[in-house]
Amino acid sequence: MSRQELIGPQGLRQDGRRANELRKIKCKPSVLSQADGSSYIEQGNTKCLAAVYGPREARQKGQVIHNKASINVELSLAPFSMSERKKRTKYDKRLLEIASAVKQTFEPVIMTSLFARSQIDIYLQILQFDGGIIQICINAATLALIDAGIPMLEYVCACSAGIIENTILLDLNNTEESFDTPELTVALLPKSEKVTLLQLDSRLQVNEFENVMRTAAKGCKEIYEVLEDATRDHIKDLLNRSNPIN
């Protein structure tokens, strides 16, 4: 399959989306009863489960920070999540890189100074993989942190954009990523429009960067609306349960 075949003659991608369309998103907070906060998200065929524990006492003395909470992020990939049945441990280099990126994304956003000498653990598991692994981890972690009641400056929403044959594509899937497509992943605070993560895979021309980044930021704001609606629906559901109509 050539790069040109990724975009059909009518401007549609292989999955039927137009260039500026997000994959279909389904999300639900509070899916695990034992975690302090949790969430489940599907973005297209990529599926992620997130669990948050804390703030709680640090498990190791070396992890204690005296004036703020430390953030720990662990990412695992289910053996059945990809077509190749390769077992990856949590010490896999690529998974560690993604976990580090997620941690760096949330460190300036979570109000860690309110929880000195404590630890916040974020556990992420990819149940099915079809591209966009960093962005779905960030979006899932955002919902789980909100569910845990951990104060943050804003929502953090992440989205990717890439360019193929001079066409900017929003929210790349695995097929589009696998062609060494220049891909930019942006994590944005939608209200203040501050960027907390900017990651570029492959080379991107300087004159194309601004348009690709603007497209990714637009996707972040659309994802924010989805996460906000899911959070509001969950709160309404909790209120209905606590105040049933007689």
C-alpha atoms as a PDB file:
ATOM      1  CA  MET A   1       0.000   0.000   0.000  1.00  0.00           C
ATOM      2  CA  SER A   2       1.406   3.406  -0.961  1.00  0.00           C
ATOM      3  CA  ARG A   3       1.162   6.652   0.955  1.00  0.00           C
ATOM      4  CA  GLN A   4      -1.256   7.983  -1.647  1.00  0.00           C
ATOM      5  CA  GLU A   5      -3.705   5.181  -0.861  1.00  0.00           C
ATOM      6  CA  LEU A   6      -4.056   6.456   2.712  1.00  0.00           C
ATOM      7  CA  ILE A   7      -6.217   9.251   1.294  1.00  0.00           C
ATOM      8  CA  GLY A   8      -8.790   8.284  -1.336  1.00  0.00           C
ATOM      9  CA  PRO A   9      -9.751  10.332  -4.415  1.00  0.00           C
ATOM     10  CA  GLN A  10     -12.712  11.825  -2.525  1.00  0.00           C
ATOM     11  CA  GLY A  11     -10.451  13.016   0.287  1.00  0.00           C
ATOM     12  CA  LEU A  12     -11.500  10.247   2.676  1.00  0.00           C
ATOM     13  CA  ARG A  13      -9.082   8.229   4.766  1.00  0.00           C
ATOM     14  CA  GLN A  14      -9.154   4.436   5.006  1.00  0.00           C
ATOM     15  CA  ASP A  15     -11.453   4.497   8.036  1.00  0.00           C
ATOM     16  CA  GLY A  16     -13.897   6.853   6.307  1.00  0.00           C
ATOM     17  CA  ARG A  17     -12.867  10.021   8.102  1.00  0.00           C
ATOM     18  CA  ARG A  18     -12.071  13.306   6.477  1.00  0.00           C
ATOM     19  CA  ALA A  19      -8.632  14.800   7.051  1.00  0.00           C
ATOM     20  CA  ASN A  20      -9.763  17.043   9.942  1.00  0.00           C
ATOM     21  CA  GLU A  21     -11.970  14.516  11.751  1.00  0.00           C
ATOM     22  CA  LEU A  22     -11.246  12.833  15.079  1.00  0.00           C
ATOM     23  CA  ARG A  23     -11.748   9.140  15.561  1.00  0.00           C
ATOM     24  CA  LYS A  24     -14.934   8.286  17.427  1.00  0.00           C
ATOM     25  CA  ILE A  25     -14.411   8.694  21.180  1.00  0.00           C
ATOM     26  CA  LYS A  26     -16.193   6.802  23.937  1.00  0.00           C
ATOM     27  CA  CYS A  27     -15.242   7.392  27.554  1.00  0.00           C
ATOM     28  CA  LYS A  28     -16.484   6.642  31.026  1.00  0.00           C
ATOM     29  CA  PRO A  29     -15.050   7.658  34.411  1.00  0.00           C
ATOM     30  CA  SER A  30     -15.189   5.606  37.613  1.00  0.00           C
ATOM     31  CA  VAL A  31     -15.079   2.119  36.099  1.00  0.00           C
ATOM     32  CA  LEU A  32     -13.003   0.488  38.881  1.00  0.00           C
ATOM     33  CA  SER A  33     -14.380   0.271  42.401  1.00  0.00           C
ATOM     34  CA  GLN A  34     -11.070  -0.328  44.185  1.00  0.00           C
ATOM     35  CA  ALA A  35      -9.157   2.639  42.725  1.00  0.00           C
ATOM     36  CA  ASP A  36      -9.437   6.209  44.049  1.00  0.00           C
ATOM     37  CA  GLY A  37     -10.177   7.271  40.487  1.00  0.00           C
ATOM     38  CA  SER A  38     -10.441   5.455  37.178  1.00  0.00           C
ATOM     39  CA  SER A  39     -11.554   5.787  33.576  1.00  0.00           C
ATOM     40  CA  TYR A  40     -11.966   3.891  30.336  1.00  0.00           C
ATOM     41  CA  ILE A  41     -11.508   5.495  26.918  1.00  0.00           C
ATOM     42  CA  GLU A  42     -11.830   4.332  23.336  1.00  0.00           C
ATOM     43  CA  GLN A  43     -10.423   6.497  20.555  1.00  0.00           C
ATOM     44  CA  GLY A  44     -11.217   4.632  17.387  1.00  0.00           C
ATOM     45  CA  ASN A  45      -9.848   1.135  17.922  1.00  0.00           C
ATOM     46  CA  THR A  46      -7.358   2.187  20.600  1.00  0.00           C
ATOM     47  CA  LYS A  47      -8.642   1.389  24.085  1.00  0.00           C
ATOM     48  CA  CYS A  48      -7.133   2.403  27.424  1.00  0.00           C
ATOM     49  CA  LEU A  49      -7.913   1.797  31.083  1.00  0.00           C
ATOM     50  CA  ALA A  50      -6.582   4.199  33.737  1.00  0.00           C
ATOM     51  CA  ALA A  51      -6.472   3.906  37.519  1.00  0.00           C
ATOM     52  CA  VAL A  52      -5.316   6.516  40.036  1.00  0.00           C
ATOM     53  CA  TYR A  53      -4.326   5.880  43.650  1.00  0.00           C
ATOM     54  CA  GLY A  54      -3.548   8.647  46.082  1.00  0.00           C
ATOM     55  CA  PRO A  55      -2.491  11.022  47.280  1.00  0.00           C
ATOM     56  CA  ARG A  56      -1.034   8.476  49.688  1.00  0.00           C
ATOM     57  CA  GLU A  57       2.085   7.868  51.697  1.00  0.00           C
ATOM     58  CA  ALA A  58       5.146   7.325  49.516  1.00  0.00           C
ATOM     59  CA  ARG A  59       6.120   3.653  49.345  1.00  0.00           C
ATOM     60  CA  GLN A  60       9.845   4.367  49.303  1.00  0.00           C
ATOM     61  CA  LYS A  61      11.752   6.999  51.253  1.00  0.00           C
ATOM     62  CA  GLY A  62      13.674   7.905  48.120  1.00  0.00           C
ATOM     63  CA  GLN A  63      10.427   8.991  46.454  1.00  0.00           C
ATOM     64  CA  VAL A  64       9.528  11.510  49.175  1.00  0.00           C
ATOM     65  CA  ILE A  65       9.557  15.165  48.090  1.00  0.00           C
ATOM     66  CA  HIS A  66       9.276  17.438  51.119  1.00  0.00           C
ATOM     67  CA  ASN A  67       7.331  20.316  49.556  1.00  0.00           C
ATOM     68  CA  LYS A  68       5.049  18.497  47.103  1.00  0.00           C
ATOM     69  CA  ALA A  69       3.667  15.147  46.001  1.00  0.00           C
ATOM     70  CA  SER A  70       5.609  12.905  43.670  1.00  0.00           C
ATOM     71  CA  ILE A  71       3.860  11.496  40.594  1.00  0.00           C
ATOM     72  CA  ASN A  72       4.414   7.919  39.506  1.00  0.00           C
ATOM     73  CA  VAL A  73       3.184   6.691  36.104  1.00  0.00           C
ATOM     74  CA  GLU A  74       3.248   3.062  34.964  1.00  0.00           C
ATOM     75  CA  LEU A  75       2.112   1.876  31.550  1.00  0.00           C
ATOM     76  CA  SER A  76       1.461  -1.675  30.402  1.00  0.00           C
ATOM     77  CA  LEU A  77       0.397  -3.133  27.082  1.00  0.00           C
ATOM     78  CA  ALA A  78      -1.942  -6.132  27.183  1.00  0.00           C
ATOM     79  CA  PRO A  79      -0.467  -9.103  25.251  1.00  0.00           C
ATOM     80  CA  PHE A  80      -3.654  -9.312  23.148  1.00  0.00           C
ATOM     81  CA  SER A  81      -3.700  -5.576  22.329  1.00  0.00           C
ATOM     82  CA  MET A  82      -1.676  -5.898  19.114  1.00  0.00           C
ATOM     83  CA  SER A  83      -1.625  -8.268  16.167  1.00  0.00           C
ATOM     84  CA  GLU A  84       1.842  -9.492  17.184  1.00  0.00           C
ATOM     85  CA  ARG A  85       1.497 -11.411  20.438  1.00  0.00           C
ATOM     86  CA  LYS A  86       4.644 -10.033  22.007  1.00  0.00           C
ATOM     87  CA  LYS A  87       4.676  -9.770  25.774  1.00  0.00           C
ATOM     88  CA  ARG A  88       6.011  -6.427  26.933  1.00  0.00           C
ATOM     89  CA  THR A  89       7.000  -5.796  30.537  1.00  0.00           C
ATOM     90  CA  LYS A  90       6.596  -2.452  32.276  1.00  0.00           C
ATOM     91  CA  TYR A  91      10.363  -2.036  31.852  1.00  0.00           C
ATOM     92  CA  ASP A  92      10.078  -2.011  28.043  1.00  0.00           C
ATOM     93  CA  LYS A  93      12.006   1.023  26.774  1.00  0.00           C
ATOM     94  CA  ARG A  94       9.174   2.406  24.639  1.00  0.00           C
ATOM     95  CA  LEU A  95       6.629   2.045  27.438  1.00  0.00           C
ATOM     96  CA  LEU A  96       8.982   3.779  29.877  1.00  0.00           C
ATOM     97  CA  GLU A  97       9.384   6.664  27.417  1.00  0.00           C
ATOM     98  CA  ILE A  98       5.618   7.081  27.098  1.00  0.00           C
ATOM     99  CA  ALA A  99       5.116   6.850  30.880  1.00  0.00           C
ATOM    100  CA  SER A 100       7.781   9.533  31.346  1.00  0.00           C
ATOM    101  CA  ALA A 101       6.046  11.780  28.799  1.00  0.00           C
ATOM    102  CA  VAL A 102       2.722  11.368  30.638  1.00  0.00           C
ATOM    103  CA  LYS A 103       4.394  12.183  33.959  1.00  0.00           C
ATOM    104  CA  GLN A 104       6.033  15.320  32.565  1.00  0.00           C
ATOM    105  CA  THR A 105       2.688  16.361  31.087  1.00  0.00           C
ATOM    106  CA  PHE A 106       0.889  16.312  34.433  1.00  0.00           C
ATOM    107  CA  GLU A 107       3.621  17.577  36.764  1.00  0.00           C
ATOM    108  CA  PRO A 108       2.931  21.285  36.048  1.00  0.00           C
ATOM    109  CA  VAL A 109      -0.857  20.770  36.043  1.00  0.00           C
ATOM    110  CA  ILE A 110      -1.570  18.754  39.213  1.00  0.00           C
ATOM    111  CA  MET A 111      -1.467  20.913  42.356  1.00  0.00           C
ATOM    112  CA  THR A 112       1.192  18.750  43.967  1.00  0.00           C
ATOM    113  CA  SER A 113       2.124  21.442  46.520  1.00  0.00           C
ATOM    114  CA  LEU A 114      -1.120  20.657  48.386  1.00  0.00           C
ATOM    115  CA  PHE A 115       0.084  17.123  49.162  1.00  0.00           C
ATOM    116  CA  ALA A 116       3.638  17.406  50.451  1.00  0.00           C
ATOM    117  CA  ARG A 117       5.523  14.173  51.158  1.00  0.00           C
ATOM    118  CA  SER A 118       2.888  12.042  49.440  1.00  0.00           C
ATOM    119  CA  GLN A 119       2.617  10.089  46.193  1.00  0.00           C
ATOM    120  CA  ILE A 120       0.093   9.966  43.356  1.00  0.00           C
ATOM    121  CA  ASP A 121       0.150   6.784  41.267  1.00  0.00           C
ATOM    122  CA  ILE A 122      -1.276   6.641  37.738  1.00  0.00           C
ATOM    123  CA  TYR A 123      -1.577   3.176  36.187  1.00  0.00           C
ATOM    124  CA  LEU A 124      -2.400   2.885  32.499  1.00  0.00           C
ATOM    125  CA  GLN A 125      -3.104  -0.213  30.446  1.00  0.00           C
ATOM    126  CA  ILE A 126      -3.598  -0.338  26.693  1.00  0.00           C
ATOM    127  CA  LEU A 127      -6.225  -2.986  25.984  1.00  0.00           C
ATOM    128  CA  GLN A 128      -6.235  -2.525  22.215  1.00  0.00           C
ATOM    129  CA  PHE A 129      -3.765  -0.619  20.073  1.00  0.00           C
ATOM    130  CA  ASP A 130      -4.453   1.249  16.840  1.00  0.00           C
ATOM    131  CA  GLY A 131      -2.223   4.319  17.130  1.00  0.00           C
ATOM    132  CA  GLY A 132      -2.277   7.441  19.294  1.00  0.00           C
ATOM    133  CA  ILE A 133      -0.958   5.724  22.403  1.00  0.00           C
ATOM    134  CA  ILE A 134       0.427   8.840  24.139  1.00  0.00           C
ATOM    135  CA  GLN A 135      -2.668  10.928  23.559  1.00  0.00           C
ATOM    136  CA  ILE A 136      -5.104   8.291  24.801  1.00  0.00           C
ATOM    137  CA  CYS A 137      -2.981   7.736  27.935  1.00  0.00           C
ATOM    138  CA  ILE A 138      -3.083  11.462  28.717  1.00  0.00           C
ATOM    139  CA  ASN A 139      -6.828  11.733  28.091  1.00  0.00           C
ATOM    140  CA  ALA A 140      -7.560   8.633  30.180  1.00  0.00           C
ATOM    141  CA  ALA A 141      -5.335   9.890  33.010  1.00  0.00           C
ATOM    142  CA  THR A 142      -7.134  13.249  32.989  1.00  0.00           C
ATOM    143  CA  LEU A 143     -10.527  11.609  33.504  1.00  0.00           C
ATOM    144  CA  ALA A 144      -9.168   9.281  36.206  1.00  0.00           C
ATOM    145  CA  LEU A 145      -7.503  12.151  38.108  1.00  0.00           C
ATOM    146  CA  ILE A 146     -10.752  14.132  38.026  1.00  0.00           C
ATOM    147  CA  ASP A 147     -12.612  11.061  39.261  1.00  0.00           C
ATOM    148  CA  ALA A 148     -10.104  10.745  42.128  1.00  0.00           C
ATOM    149  CA  GLY A 149     -10.777  14.354  43.122  1.00  0.00           C
ATOM    150  CA  ILE A 150      -7.165  15.414  42.658  1.00  0.00           C
ATOM    151  CA  PRO A 151      -7.010  19.173  42.045  1.00  0.00           C
ATOM    152  CA  MET A 152      -5.600  20.287  38.699  1.00  0.00           C
ATOM    153  CA  LEU A 153      -5.272  23.692  37.075  1.00  0.00           C
ATOM    154  CA  GLU A 154      -7.349  22.516  34.097  1.00  0.00           C
ATOM    155  CA  TYR A 155      -8.236  19.521  32.035  1.00  0.00           C
ATOM    156  CA  VAL A 156      -5.309  18.181  30.017  1.00  0.00           C
ATOM    157  CA  CYS A 157      -6.308  16.997  26.542  1.00  0.00           C
ATOM    158  CA  ALA A 158      -3.979  15.495  23.957  1.00  0.00           C
ATOM    159  CA  CYS A 159      -4.269  14.935  20.224  1.00  0.00           C
ATOM    160  CA  SER A 160      -1.975  14.263  17.290  1.00  0.00           C
ATOM    161  CA  ALA A 161      -1.749  15.589  13.746  1.00  0.00           C
ATOM    162  CA  GLY A 162       0.460  14.621  10.842  1.00  0.00           C
ATOM    163  CA  ILE A 163       1.003  15.451   7.221  1.00  0.00           C
ATOM    164  CA  ILE A 164       0.825  13.133   4.210  1.00  0.00           C
ATOM    165  CA  GLU A 165       1.228  14.377   0.634  1.00  0.00           C
ATOM    166  CA  ASN A 166       0.706  17.999   1.756  1.00  0.00           C
ATOM    167  CA  THR A 167      -2.547  17.059   3.519  1.00  0.00           C
ATOM    168  CA  ILE A 168      -2.749  17.573   7.293  1.00  0.00           C
ATOM    169  CA  LEU A 169      -4.444  14.655   9.050  1.00  0.00           C
ATOM    170  CA  LEU A 170      -5.946  14.891  12.519  1.00  0.00           C
ATOM    171  CA  ASP A 171      -5.724  12.051  15.053  1.00  0.00           C
ATOM    172  CA  LEU A 172      -3.606   9.494  13.196  1.00  0.00           C
ATOM    173  CA  ASN A 173      -4.337   5.775  13.499  1.00  0.00           C
ATOM    174  CA  ASN A 174      -1.730   3.005  13.464  1.00  0.00           C
ATOM    175  CA  THR A 175      -1.771   2.536   9.676  1.00  0.00           C
ATOM    176  CA  GLU A 176      -1.128   6.237   9.119  1.00  0.00           C
ATOM    177  CA  GLU A 177       1.587   6.314  11.772  1.00  0.00           C
ATOM    178  CA  SER A 178       3.378   3.285  10.335  1.00  0.00           C
ATOM    179  CA  PHE A 179       4.361   5.129   7.129  1.00  0.00           C
ATOM    180  CA  ASP A 180       6.928   7.224   9.020  1.00  0.00           C
ATOM    181  CA  THR A 181       4.475  10.110   8.846  1.00  0.00           C
ATOM    182  CA  PRO A 182       5.666  13.372  10.422  1.00  0.00           C
ATOM    183  CA  GLU A 183       3.437  13.349  13.519  1.00  0.00           C
ATOM    184  CA  LEU A 184       3.069  15.995  16.194  1.00  0.00           C
ATOM    185  CA  THR A 185       1.404  15.160  19.526  1.00  0.00           C
ATOM    186  CA  VAL A 186       0.154  18.120  21.558  1.00  0.00           C
ATOM    187  CA  ALA A 187      -1.164  18.136  25.138  1.00  0.00           C
ATOM    188  CA  LEU A 188      -3.119  21.317  25.763  1.00  0.00           C
ATOM    189  CA  LEU A 189      -4.883  23.083  28.612  1.00  0.00           C
ATOM    190  CA  PRO A 190      -7.951  24.021  26.544  1.00  0.00           C
ATOM    191  CA  LYS A 191      -9.117  27.137  28.417  1.00  0.00           C
ATOM    192  CA  SER A 192      -5.764  28.877  28.874  1.00  0.00           C
ATOM    193  CA  GLU A 193      -4.403  27.310  25.657  1.00  0.00           C
ATOM    194  CA  LYS A 194      -1.131  26.502  27.392  1.00  0.00           C
ATOM    195  CA  VAL A 195       0.861  23.607  25.957  1.00  0.00           C
ATOM    196  CA  THR A 196       2.177  21.071  28.444  1.00  0.00           C
ATOM    197  CA  LEU A 197       3.539  18.502  25.966  1.00  0.00           C
ATOM    198  CA  LEU A 198       4.868  18.813  22.455  1.00  0.00           C
ATOM    199  CA  GLN A 199       6.316  15.685  20.877  1.00  0.00           C
ATOM    200  CA  LEU A 200       7.368  15.300  17.251  1.00  0.00           C
ATOM    201  CA  ASP A 201       7.945  11.928  15.589  1.00  0.00           C
ATOM    202  CA  SER A 202       9.916  12.084  12.336  1.00  0.00           C
ATOM    203  CA  ARG A 203      10.909  15.303  10.590  1.00  0.00           C
ATOM    204  CA  LEU A 204       8.510  18.138   9.849  1.00  0.00           C
ATOM    205  CA  GLN A 205       9.257  21.150   7.666  1.00  0.00           C
ATOM    206  CA  VAL A 206       9.427  24.429   9.583  1.00  0.00           C
ATOM    207  CA  ASN A 207       6.880  26.085   7.303  1.00  0.00           C
ATOM    208  CA  GLU A 208       4.399  23.240   7.987  1.00  0.00           C
ATOM    209  CA  PHE A 209       4.824  23.144  11.759  1.00  0.00           C
ATOM    210  CA  GLU A 210       2.405  25.944  12.665  1.00  0.00           C
ATOM    211  CA  ASN A 211      -0.487  24.538  10.637  1.00  0.00           C
ATOM    212  CA  VAL A 212       0.039  21.006  11.982  1.00  0.00           C
ATOM    213  CA  MET A 213       0.192  22.310  15.547  1.00  0.00           C
ATOM    214  CA  ARG A 214      -2.945  24.402  15.047  1.00  0.00           C
ATOM    215  CA  THR A 215      -4.786  21.313  13.765  1.00  0.00           C
ATOM    216  CA  ALA A 216      -3.663  19.212  16.747  1.00  0.00           C
ATOM    217  CA  ALA A 217      -4.722  21.983  19.161  1.00  0.00           C
ATOM    218  CA  LYS A 218      -8.146  22.082  17.507  1.00  0.00           C
ATOM    219  CA  GLY A 219      -8.422  18.336  18.114  1.00  0.00           C
ATOM    220  CA  CYS A 220      -7.498  18.844  21.783  1.00  0.00           C
ATOM    221  CA  LYS A 221     -10.369  21.284  22.212  1.00  0.00           C
ATOM    222  CA  GLU A 222     -12.814  18.868  20.592  1.00  0.00           C
ATOM    223  CA  ILE A 223     -11.622  16.094  22.924  1.00  0.00           C
ATOM    224  CA  TYR A 224     -12.078  18.457  25.872  1.00  0.00           C
ATOM    225  CA  GLU A 225     -15.762  18.790  25.012  1.00  0.00           C
ATOM    226  CA  VAL A 226     -16.128  14.993  25.032  1.00  0.00           C
ATOM    227  CA  LEU A 227     -14.321  14.596  28.375  1.00  0.00           C
ATOM    228  CA  GLU A 228     -16.267  17.481  29.910  1.00  0.00           C
ATOM    229  CA  ASP A 229     -19.596  15.959  28.830  1.00  0.00           C
ATOM    230  CA  ALA A 230     -18.586  12.558  30.237  1.00  0.00           C
ATOM    231  CA  THR A 231     -17.632  14.158  33.569  1.00  0.00           C
ATOM    232  CA  ARG A 232     -20.884  16.135  33.783  1.00  0.00           C
ATOM    233  CA  ASP A 233     -22.965  13.060  32.954  1.00  0.00           C
ATOM    234  CA  HIS A 234     -21.137  11.086  35.645  1.00  0.00           C
ATOM    235  CA  ILE A 235     -21.763  13.806  38.261  1.00  0.00           C
ATOM    236  CA  LYS A 236     -25.443  13.951  37.334  1.00  0.00           C
ATOM    237  CA  ASP A 237     -25.639  10.181  37.693  1.00  0.00           C
ATOM    238  CA  LEU A 238     -24.050  10.352  41.158  1.00  0.00           C
ATOM    239  CA  LEU A 239     -26.470  13.072  42.220  1.00  0.00           C
ATOM    240  CA  ASN A 240     -29.443  11.051  40.992  1.00  0.00           C
ATOM    241  CA  ARG A 241     -28.242   8.044  42.965  1.00  0.00           C
ATOM    242  CA  SER A 242     -27.772  10.041  46.172  1.00  0.00           C
ATOM    243  CA  ASN A 243     -31.104  11.841  45.771  1.00  0.00           C
ATOM    244  CA  PRO A 244     -33.523   9.333  44.250  1.00  0.00           C
ATOM    245  CA  ILE A 245     -36.936  10.621  43.302  1.00  0.00           C
ATOM    246  CA  ASN A 246     -39.596   8.995  45.433  1.00  0.00           C
END
